[in-house]
Every structure is written in C-alpha cells, then in structure tokens.
Amino acid sequence: MKVFLTGQPRSGKSTVLAKIIDILKKKGLKVGGFITPEIVVNGKRVGFKVIDVYSGEEGILAKVCTGVEDKPRVGKYCVDV
C-alpha cells in the first residue's frame, strides 16, 4: 500500500502520519518512507528534517537561507541535496 498525504502548512499532516506509522508498527508491519518534520527555534520554523521511517536515520532537508549558500532554493529555504 502507498499513502501520499497532502494539506496546508501546519494542518496536522505529520501528526496524523506519526500516529498511523505507530499503529502499523505495533501490528508488526514494516513501514518505510520519509517524513519531514519542521525544525522550530524560538517559535519560528527555520527548516525541515528528513527522517527515514524504516531505519530512523535523520538528516537536514532544508533550512532558511542566509544568502551565502550555493544550494537550490525553494522559497526562503535552501535545500540540502
């Protein structure tokens, strides 16, 4: 089964997905894919992590550009590819 979840920013997509992942894992199912929770500092979103659901491995997906990065941009974020 493949699931693709979309919605407005801060609408609860990550929360719903985390609950679904937890339920499926408790049932003994293997769950794979990526989640991209926001990184918040002092109440402001400053970027996004990327987490491999199966392995738990984490990395930085994107962060607010400071103007000196030579990286692809999406809006105000520089993407770490």
Protein backbone atom coordinates (compact mmCIF):
# COMPACT_ATOMS: atom_id res chain seq x y z
CA MET A 1 0.00 0.00 0.00
CA LYS A 2 1.23 3.51 -0.77
CA VAL A 3 -0.02 6.62 1.02
CA PHE A 4 0.52 10.21 -0.07
CA LEU A 5 -0.69 12.82 2.40
CA THR A 6 -1.13 16.47 1.44
CA GLY A 7 -2.54 19.54 3.14
CA GLN A 8 -1.95 23.12 4.14
CA PRO A 9 1.09 24.01 6.30
CA ARG A 10 0.55 23.22 9.98
CA SER A 11 -2.69 21.34 9.28
CA GLY A 12 -1.57 18.21 11.17
CA LYS A 13 -0.20 16.01 8.37
CA SER A 14 2.88 14.93 10.32
CA THR A 15 0.85 14.27 13.45
CA VAL A 16 -1.62 12.04 11.59
CA LEU A 17 1.19 10.23 9.78
CA ALA A 18 3.13 9.60 13.01
CA LYS A 19 0.02 8.03 14.57
CA ILE A 20 -0.56 5.82 11.51
CA ILE A 21 3.08 4.71 11.48
CA ASP A 22 2.91 3.85 15.19
CA ILE A 23 -0.28 1.81 14.73
CA LEU A 24 1.14 -0.12 11.76
CA LYS A 25 4.43 -0.88 13.53
CA LYS A 26 2.54 -2.12 16.62
CA LYS A 27 0.69 -4.53 14.31
CA GLY A 28 4.06 -5.90 13.19
CA LEU A 29 4.03 -4.35 9.73
CA LYS A 30 7.16 -2.98 8.09
CA VAL A 31 6.76 0.72 7.38
CA GLY A 32 9.03 2.67 5.05
CA GLY A 33 9.24 6.10 3.55
CA PHE A 34 10.19 9.56 4.70
CA ILE A 35 8.69 12.16 6.99
CA THR A 36 9.80 15.78 7.04
CA PRO A 37 9.02 17.40 10.38
CA GLU A 38 9.71 21.09 10.79
CA ILE A 39 12.61 22.45 12.81
CA VAL A 40 11.39 25.19 15.15
CA VAL A 41 13.63 27.57 17.08
CA ASN A 42 12.12 30.17 19.43
CA GLY A 43 8.68 29.52 17.95
CA LYS A 44 9.78 30.09 14.34
CA ARG A 45 10.12 27.48 11.62
CA VAL A 46 13.75 27.52 10.47
CA GLY A 47 13.87 24.37 8.39
CA PHE A 48 12.89 20.75 7.94
CA LYS A 49 14.43 17.44 8.94
CA VAL A 50 14.07 14.32 6.83
CA ILE A 51 13.63 11.03 8.67
CA ASP A 52 13.73 7.55 7.14
CA VAL A 53 10.75 5.87 8.82
CA TYR A 54 12.19 2.36 8.46
CA SER A 55 15.75 2.96 9.74
CA GLY A 56 15.21 6.06 11.87
CA GLU A 57 18.13 7.79 10.13
CA GLU A 58 17.81 11.59 10.16
CA GLY A 59 19.24 14.50 8.22
CA ILE A 60 18.56 18.12 7.38
CA LEU A 61 16.36 18.54 4.30
CA ALA A 62 16.22 22.33 4.16
CA LYS A 63 16.85 25.42 6.24
CA VAL A 64 16.22 29.13 5.91
CA CYS A 65 18.80 30.61 3.53
CA THR A 66 21.25 33.14 4.92
CA GLY A 67 22.21 34.44 1.48
CA VAL A 68 25.66 32.87 1.22
CA GLU A 69 24.63 29.29 0.40
CA ASP A 70 25.24 27.89 -3.05
CA LYS A 71 22.32 25.46 -2.85
CA PRO A 72 18.99 25.06 -4.62
CA ARG A 73 16.25 27.25 -3.16
CA VAL A 74 12.56 26.65 -2.58
CA GLY A 75 11.04 29.89 -1.36
CA LYS A 76 13.07 31.06 1.63
CA TYR A 77 14.62 27.62 2.18
CA CYS A 78 17.94 26.26 0.90
CA VAL A 79 17.66 22.55 0.15
CA ASP A 80 20.45 20.26 1.29
CA VAL A 81 20.73 17.80 -1.60
